[in-house]
Amino acid sequence: MNPYQQNDSGEMYDVLVSFLEQIKTAWNNNFQVERSNYKNIKNIVLTGLGGSAISGDVAQTFLYKTLQLPLQVNRNYDLPNFANESTLVIACSYSGNTEETISAYKGALERKCKIVSIGSGGEIEKLANANGNLHIKVPSGFQPRCALGLMFFNLLKFLNDAGFISFNDSMIESIYKMLKAKSEIYSKEHSQPYDDAVKLIGHFPVIHSSDLLQSVNVRFRCQLAENSKVLSYSGIIPELNHNEIIGWEKFDLPAELGLKRQAGSNKFNAMLIQIIDEDDHPRNKLRFKITEKILKETGIEILKIKSSEKSFEERIIDLIYYTDWVSFYLAVLRKVDPTPIKNINTLKNSLAAIQS
């Protein structure tokens, strides 16, 4: 039973509790892959937007030790200039009707790229069927950001079946069992993600991670925006140590400007969130510690998020699942409904009314 139903019209709570079932559904999806079709591929472009594109980001993280070909995530109407007949374009659109992804798909056809698509139907599936390309169909009925398990694990299964990676069923089973245990823990009130959400109320979240965990960082920022209706910021170590770190030096407003802050505070009311993994480069681990020490001197509050799971792959999925729960709890604690995405729908409808 959903204890937050009064603020959760789309049953986001139940979607999160049952997230693990998406993995099993995806890994058991019965689609046929002919490996010989992909033997001359030299690079991979995953094209998509929003909740559909994040599966490509997660793949870059998840497969950083195993995928030997370059993988680029494309969030645009056009493909990168290098895309050609040696490029595999994976068009990810949960709805199948994302206009940027449709445009990129058509561009891939013109460039004679090898094309595979993943989604629940729509125009993308029609394009695939009309051009004899593989379309990996996933169940409909989710918000795109809530279908990450379906989109990512179908992507993983395809890359495995096509011979780009070698991934066994035992790892999938380990991830499934891990999420089953975490679902029971994270779904309880006053769990750790709930308590972290309480800490974030009234703060501007600034999320720091290494480039290794860039996908977790970006996913969290997007979930805070869509679920919690909260703006946040992402910084990447070590890059942020060469620029952003200076921006924390001075928050006071000069008196002669005659400007006032809210609620009598002259501080930037931010909370630093450090997402750290044991596979981070040793020098980046040191950078996290030094950055924490420097920023503490400004009075900034710091929240650390880290997974203790054994394998890197399990830790990545755990971190994504954990931060999804944080974004959900922050929404209901702020008494905002996590499911509706009014501004996105308004923008899409406005674009659809204007024919280019």
Protein backbone atom coordinates (compact mmCIF):
# COMPACT_ATOMS: atom_id res chain seq x y z
CA MET A 1 0.00 0.00 0.00
CA ASN A 2 1.27 3.45 -0.94
CA PRO A 3 1.56 5.54 2.27
CA TYR A 4 2.06 8.72 0.22
CA GLN A 5 -0.96 8.39 -2.07
CA GLN A 6 -2.38 11.82 -1.27
CA ASN A 7 0.67 13.44 -2.91
CA ASP A 8 1.41 10.70 -5.45
CA SER A 9 -1.26 10.61 -8.17
CA GLY A 10 0.80 8.48 -10.52
CA GLU A 11 1.74 5.84 -7.94
CA MET A 12 5.45 6.62 -8.26
CA TYR A 13 5.96 4.84 -4.94
CA ASP A 14 4.68 1.56 -6.40
CA VAL A 15 6.79 2.02 -9.54
CA LEU A 16 9.91 2.39 -7.40
CA VAL A 17 9.04 -0.58 -5.20
CA SER A 18 8.61 -2.81 -8.24
CA PHE A 19 11.52 -1.38 -10.26
CA LEU A 20 13.42 -4.67 -10.07
CA GLU A 21 10.74 -6.41 -12.13
CA GLN A 22 11.69 -4.23 -15.10
CA ILE A 23 15.09 -5.91 -15.10
CA LYS A 24 13.65 -9.39 -15.30
CA THR A 25 11.17 -8.30 -17.99
CA ALA A 26 13.96 -6.77 -20.08
CA TRP A 27 16.43 -9.63 -19.71
CA ASN A 28 13.73 -12.13 -20.70
CA ASN A 29 12.66 -10.08 -23.74
CA ASN A 30 12.67 -12.39 -26.75
CA PHE A 31 14.18 -10.54 -29.70
CA GLN A 32 16.47 -12.02 -32.32
CA VAL A 33 19.92 -10.55 -32.98
CA GLU A 34 22.06 -11.57 -35.94
CA ARG A 35 25.66 -10.99 -34.87
CA SER A 36 26.96 -10.91 -38.41
CA ASN A 37 25.03 -7.67 -38.98
CA TYR A 38 27.31 -5.85 -36.56
CA LYS A 39 30.77 -7.27 -37.30
CA ASN A 40 31.99 -4.13 -39.11
CA ILE A 41 30.80 -1.61 -36.54
CA LYS A 42 33.52 0.82 -35.40
CA ASN A 43 31.55 3.13 -33.13
CA ILE A 44 28.16 3.39 -31.43
CA VAL A 45 25.89 6.42 -31.13
CA LEU A 46 22.92 6.18 -28.79
CA THR A 47 20.50 8.93 -29.68
CA GLY A 48 17.66 10.00 -27.42
CA LEU A 49 16.44 12.63 -24.98
CA GLY A 50 15.52 12.84 -21.32
CA GLY A 51 14.59 9.63 -19.56
CA SER A 52 15.27 7.62 -22.71
CA ALA A 53 18.79 8.94 -23.26
CA ILE A 54 19.92 8.28 -19.70
CA SER A 55 20.22 4.57 -20.51
CA GLY A 56 23.13 5.49 -22.79
CA ASP A 57 24.82 7.45 -20.01
CA VAL A 58 24.38 4.53 -17.64
CA ALA A 59 25.82 2.19 -20.28
CA GLN A 60 28.94 4.35 -20.55
CA THR A 61 29.40 4.00 -16.79
CA PHE A 62 28.28 0.41 -16.39
CA LEU A 63 30.44 -0.87 -19.27
CA TYR A 64 33.52 1.28 -18.83
CA LYS A 65 35.67 -1.81 -18.19
CA THR A 66 34.18 -4.03 -20.89
CA LEU A 67 32.94 -2.13 -23.95
CA GLN A 68 35.80 -1.83 -26.46
CA LEU A 69 34.11 0.44 -29.01
CA PRO A 70 33.51 4.19 -28.56
CA LEU A 71 29.98 4.92 -27.33
CA GLN A 72 28.62 8.45 -27.62
CA VAL A 73 25.27 9.67 -26.32
CA ASN A 74 23.59 12.08 -28.74
CA ARG A 75 20.86 14.45 -27.54
CA ASN A 76 19.99 16.32 -30.71
CA TYR A 77 18.08 16.37 -33.98
CA ASP A 78 21.24 15.57 -35.94
CA LEU A 79 23.87 12.88 -35.61
CA PRO A 80 27.58 13.58 -35.09
CA ASN A 81 29.46 14.25 -38.31
CA PHE A 82 31.45 11.02 -38.04
CA ALA A 83 28.35 8.79 -38.22
CA ASN A 84 28.50 6.60 -41.34
CA GLU A 85 27.99 3.03 -42.53
CA SER A 86 30.41 1.81 -39.81
CA THR A 87 28.32 3.43 -37.08
CA LEU A 88 25.66 1.63 -35.07
CA VAL A 89 22.90 4.09 -34.17
CA ILE A 90 20.71 2.99 -31.27
CA ALA A 91 17.58 5.15 -31.22
CA CYS A 92 16.08 5.18 -27.73
CA SER A 93 12.64 6.70 -27.32
CA TYR A 94 10.32 5.18 -24.75
CA SER A 95 7.25 6.76 -26.34
CA GLY A 96 8.59 6.29 -29.85
CA ASN A 97 7.47 9.80 -30.72
CA THR A 98 10.36 12.01 -29.54
CA GLU A 99 10.81 14.44 -32.43
CA GLU A 100 14.57 14.85 -32.00
CA THR A 101 15.08 11.06 -32.01
CA ILE A 102 12.86 10.64 -35.07
CA SER A 103 14.95 13.27 -36.86
CA ALA A 104 18.21 11.53 -35.87
CA TYR A 105 16.78 8.18 -37.00
CA LYS A 106 16.02 9.60 -40.43
CA GLY A 107 19.52 11.05 -40.54
CA ALA A 108 20.93 7.62 -39.78
CA LEU A 109 18.96 6.18 -42.69
CA GLU A 110 20.41 8.80 -45.03
CA ARG A 111 23.95 8.04 -43.86
CA LYS A 112 23.39 4.29 -44.18
CA CYS A 113 24.19 3.62 -40.54
CA LYS A 114 23.24 0.33 -38.97
CA ILE A 115 20.16 1.12 -36.86
CA VAL A 116 18.51 -0.48 -33.84
CA SER A 117 15.72 1.13 -31.82
CA ILE A 118 14.31 0.60 -28.34
CA GLY A 119 10.90 1.81 -27.22
CA SER A 120 7.24 1.04 -26.66
CA GLY A 121 6.05 1.82 -30.19
CA GLY A 122 5.12 5.05 -31.93
CA GLU A 123 6.77 6.56 -35.00
CA ILE A 124 10.16 5.00 -34.22
CA GLU A 125 8.70 1.50 -34.44
CA LYS A 126 6.99 2.42 -37.73
CA LEU A 127 10.30 3.65 -39.15
CA ALA A 128 12.03 0.46 -38.03
CA ASN A 129 9.39 -1.79 -39.60
CA ALA A 130 9.33 0.21 -42.84
CA ASN A 131 13.10 -0.02 -43.22
CA GLY A 132 13.67 -3.55 -42.00
CA ASN A 133 15.59 -2.52 -38.87
CA LEU A 134 15.51 -4.24 -35.50
CA HIS A 135 13.10 -2.65 -33.04
CA ILE A 136 13.28 -3.85 -29.44
CA LYS A 137 9.82 -3.36 -28.01
CA VAL A 138 9.29 -2.64 -24.31
CA PRO A 139 6.03 -2.50 -22.31
CA SER A 140 4.20 0.82 -22.36
CA GLY A 141 2.49 2.61 -19.47
CA PHE A 142 5.42 4.24 -17.68
CA GLN A 143 6.76 7.75 -17.57
CA PRO A 144 10.01 7.61 -19.62
CA ARG A 145 12.16 8.37 -16.57
CA CYS A 146 10.43 5.52 -14.71
CA ALA A 147 11.24 3.00 -17.46
CA LEU A 148 15.02 3.08 -17.03
CA GLY A 149 15.09 -0.60 -16.05
CA LEU A 150 13.30 -1.57 -19.26
CA MET A 151 15.35 0.70 -21.51
CA PHE A 152 18.78 0.11 -20.02
CA PHE A 153 18.60 -3.66 -19.54
CA ASN A 154 17.16 -4.18 -23.02
CA LEU A 155 20.09 -2.11 -24.30
CA LEU A 156 22.46 -4.24 -22.26
CA LYS A 157 20.87 -7.45 -23.56
CA PHE A 158 21.18 -6.25 -27.16
CA LEU A 159 24.86 -5.30 -26.76
CA ASN A 160 25.46 -8.70 -25.19
CA ASP A 161 23.57 -10.68 -27.84
CA ALA A 162 25.22 -8.70 -30.66
CA GLY A 163 28.67 -9.58 -29.31
CA PHE A 164 29.81 -6.11 -28.20
CA ILE A 165 30.10 -7.25 -24.57
CA SER A 166 30.04 -10.53 -22.68
CA PHE A 167 27.64 -10.41 -19.79
CA ASN A 168 26.29 -13.45 -17.96
CA ASP A 169 22.95 -14.16 -16.35
CA SER A 170 24.49 -14.49 -12.89
CA MET A 171 25.27 -10.76 -12.75
CA ILE A 172 21.69 -9.91 -13.69
CA GLU A 173 20.47 -12.24 -10.96
CA SER A 174 22.80 -10.58 -8.44
CA ILE A 175 21.48 -7.15 -9.36
CA TYR A 176 17.90 -8.41 -9.12
CA LYS A 177 18.48 -9.89 -5.64
CA MET A 178 20.26 -6.75 -4.49
CA LEU A 179 17.36 -4.54 -5.62
CA LYS A 180 14.83 -6.85 -4.00
CA ALA A 181 16.55 -6.33 -0.66
CA LYS A 182 17.01 -2.59 -1.23
CA SER A 183 13.37 -2.15 -2.27
CA GLU A 184 12.26 -3.39 1.15
CA ILE A 185 14.72 -1.05 2.89
CA TYR A 186 14.35 2.12 0.84
CA SER A 187 10.53 2.00 0.72
CA LYS A 188 10.22 2.34 4.50
CA GLU A 189 9.61 5.73 6.07
CA HIS A 190 12.72 7.09 7.80
CA SER A 191 14.95 4.95 5.63
CA GLN A 192 18.28 6.51 4.68
CA PRO A 193 17.01 8.02 1.38
CA TYR A 194 14.04 9.46 3.30
CA ASP A 195 16.36 11.01 5.87
CA ASP A 196 18.57 12.42 3.11
CA ALA A 197 15.51 13.98 1.48
CA VAL A 198 14.64 15.64 4.80
CA LYS A 199 18.13 17.18 4.87
CA LEU A 200 17.67 18.57 1.35
CA ILE A 201 14.46 20.49 2.11
CA GLY A 202 15.07 24.19 1.59
CA HIS A 203 18.51 23.69 0.05
CA PHE A 204 19.88 24.02 -3.47
CA PRO A 205 21.53 20.64 -4.19
CA VAL A 206 25.01 20.78 -5.72
CA ILE A 207 25.97 17.28 -6.84
CA HIS A 208 29.63 16.34 -7.17
CA SER A 209 30.96 13.09 -8.59
CA SER A 210 33.90 11.93 -10.63
CA ASP A 211 33.50 11.48 -14.38
CA LEU A 212 33.21 7.75 -13.67
CA LEU A 213 29.85 8.35 -11.96
CA GLN A 214 28.73 11.12 -14.32
CA SER A 215 25.61 9.14 -15.29
CA VAL A 216 24.52 8.76 -11.65
CA ASN A 217 25.15 12.46 -11.14
CA VAL A 218 23.09 13.49 -14.19
CA ARG A 219 20.31 11.01 -13.42
CA PHE A 220 19.98 12.42 -9.89
CA ARG A 221 19.85 16.00 -11.18
CA CYS A 222 17.15 15.08 -13.70
CA GLN A 223 15.12 13.18 -11.10
CA LEU A 224 15.28 16.12 -8.70
CA ALA A 225 13.90 18.31 -11.48
CA GLU A 226 11.14 15.99 -12.71
CA ASN A 227 10.14 14.23 -9.49
CA SER A 228 10.94 16.78 -6.77
CA LYS A 229 10.41 19.90 -8.94
CA VAL A 230 13.73 21.18 -7.58
CA LEU A 231 16.58 22.78 -9.51
CA SER A 232 20.08 21.47 -8.81
CA TYR A 233 23.56 21.60 -10.25
CA SER A 234 26.07 18.94 -11.32
CA GLY A 235 29.83 19.28 -10.96
CA ILE A 236 32.46 16.77 -12.07
CA ILE A 237 35.76 16.13 -10.30
CA PRO A 238 38.54 16.83 -11.26
CA GLU A 239 37.23 19.47 -13.72
CA LEU A 240 35.37 21.44 -11.05
CA ASN A 241 38.62 21.81 -9.10
CA HIS A 242 39.91 23.94 -11.97
CA ASN A 243 37.01 26.42 -12.04
CA GLU A 244 33.81 25.88 -9.98
CA ILE A 245 35.65 25.63 -6.67
CA ILE A 246 36.53 29.34 -6.92
CA GLY A 247 32.83 30.24 -7.09
CA TRP A 248 32.39 29.08 -3.50
CA GLU A 249 34.83 31.63 -2.11
CA LYS A 250 32.54 34.59 -1.44
CA PHE A 251 28.77 34.75 -0.97
CA ASP A 252 28.48 38.07 0.85
CA LEU A 253 26.82 40.94 -1.00
CA PRO A 254 28.70 44.25 -0.76
CA ALA A 255 26.66 46.63 1.43
CA GLU A 256 27.02 49.50 -1.04
CA LEU A 257 24.96 47.59 -3.61
CA GLY A 258 21.89 47.99 -1.42
CA LEU A 259 20.69 44.48 -2.24
CA LYS A 260 19.08 42.10 0.23
CA ARG A 261 18.92 38.35 0.51
CA GLN A 262 15.88 36.37 1.64
CA ALA A 263 15.26 35.55 5.29
CA GLY A 264 18.18 37.58 6.59
CA SER A 265 20.82 35.21 5.19
CA ASN A 266 23.85 36.31 3.24
CA LYS A 267 24.88 32.74 2.44
CA PHE A 268 24.16 30.65 -0.65
CA ASN A 269 21.78 28.09 0.86
CA ALA A 270 23.26 25.08 -0.90
CA MET A 271 23.96 21.54 0.17
CA LEU A 272 26.90 19.72 -1.37
CA ILE A 273 26.21 16.09 -2.29
CA GLN A 274 29.28 13.96 -2.93
CA ILE A 275 28.61 10.71 -4.81
CA ILE A 276 31.71 8.57 -4.43
CA ASP A 277 32.72 5.07 -5.54
CA GLU A 278 35.66 2.91 -4.52
CA ASP A 279 36.64 2.62 -8.20
CA ASP A 280 37.24 6.36 -8.41
CA HIS A 281 40.84 7.25 -9.29
CA PRO A 282 42.97 7.54 -6.10
CA ARG A 283 43.78 11.17 -6.89
CA ASN A 284 40.07 11.93 -7.33
CA LYS A 285 39.37 10.36 -3.93
CA LEU A 286 41.93 12.76 -2.51
CA ARG A 287 40.30 15.63 -4.39
CA PHE A 288 36.94 14.79 -2.79
CA LYS A 289 38.49 15.03 0.67
CA ILE A 290 40.31 18.29 0.01
CA THR A 291 37.26 19.82 -1.72
CA GLU A 292 35.13 18.83 1.28
CA LYS A 293 37.56 20.49 3.66
CA ILE A 294 37.70 23.70 1.60
CA LEU A 295 33.93 23.99 1.22
CA LYS A 296 33.25 23.23 4.87
CA GLU A 297 35.08 26.45 5.66
CA THR A 298 32.34 28.35 3.80
CA GLY A 299 29.73 26.84 6.13
CA ILE A 300 28.29 24.57 3.45
CA GLU A 301 26.52 21.39 4.57
CA ILE A 302 27.78 18.18 2.99
CA LEU A 303 25.92 14.95 2.27
CA LYS A 304 27.82 11.86 1.11
CA ILE A 305 26.24 9.06 -0.91
CA LYS A 306 28.10 5.81 -1.49
CA SER A 307 27.12 2.20 -2.17
CA SER A 308 28.76 -0.69 -0.31
CA GLU A 309 27.78 -3.40 -2.79
CA LYS A 310 30.56 -5.77 -3.89
CA SER A 311 30.61 -5.35 -7.67
CA PHE A 312 30.91 -2.06 -9.53
CA GLU A 313 27.83 -2.91 -11.63
CA GLU A 314 25.69 -3.51 -8.55
CA ARG A 315 26.90 -0.29 -6.97
CA ILE A 316 25.92 1.76 -10.02
CA ILE A 317 22.38 0.37 -10.07
CA ASP A 318 22.13 0.76 -6.29
CA LEU A 319 23.20 4.42 -6.46
CA ILE A 320 20.66 5.17 -9.18
CA TYR A 321 17.92 3.40 -7.25
CA TYR A 322 18.88 5.15 -4.01
CA THR A 323 18.87 8.63 -5.51
CA ASP A 324 15.58 7.93 -7.29
CA TRP A 325 14.08 7.28 -3.86
CA VAL A 326 15.63 10.49 -2.49
CA SER A 327 13.99 12.48 -5.29
CA PHE A 328 10.64 10.80 -4.61
CA TYR A 329 10.74 11.46 -0.88
CA LEU A 330 11.79 15.06 -1.43
CA ALA A 331 8.72 15.51 -3.62
CA VAL A 332 6.20 14.13 -1.14
CA LEU A 333 7.87 15.92 1.79
CA ARG A 334 7.48 19.17 -0.16
CA LYS A 335 3.87 18.14 -0.91
CA VAL A 336 4.36 18.16 -4.66
CA ASP A 337 3.19 15.35 -6.92
CA PRO A 338 6.25 13.56 -8.39
CA THR A 339 4.53 12.31 -11.54
CA PRO A 340 3.14 15.30 -13.53
CA ILE A 341 5.56 17.10 -15.86
CA LYS A 342 3.45 20.12 -16.80
CA ASN A 343 6.16 22.29 -18.37
CA ILE A 344 7.51 19.48 -20.55
CA ASN A 345 4.04 18.67 -21.85
CA THR A 346 3.29 22.36 -22.50
CA LEU A 347 6.51 22.72 -24.47
CA LYS A 348 5.89 19.55 -26.50
CA ASN A 349 2.33 20.62 -27.32
CA SER A 350 3.52 24.07 -28.38
CA LEU A 351 6.17 22.55 -30.67
CA ALA A 352 3.67 20.10 -32.13
CA ALA A 353 1.37 23.00 -33.06
CA ILE A 354 4.13 24.60 -35.14
CA GLN A 355 5.02 22.69 -38.28
CA SER A 356 8.58 23.32 -39.48
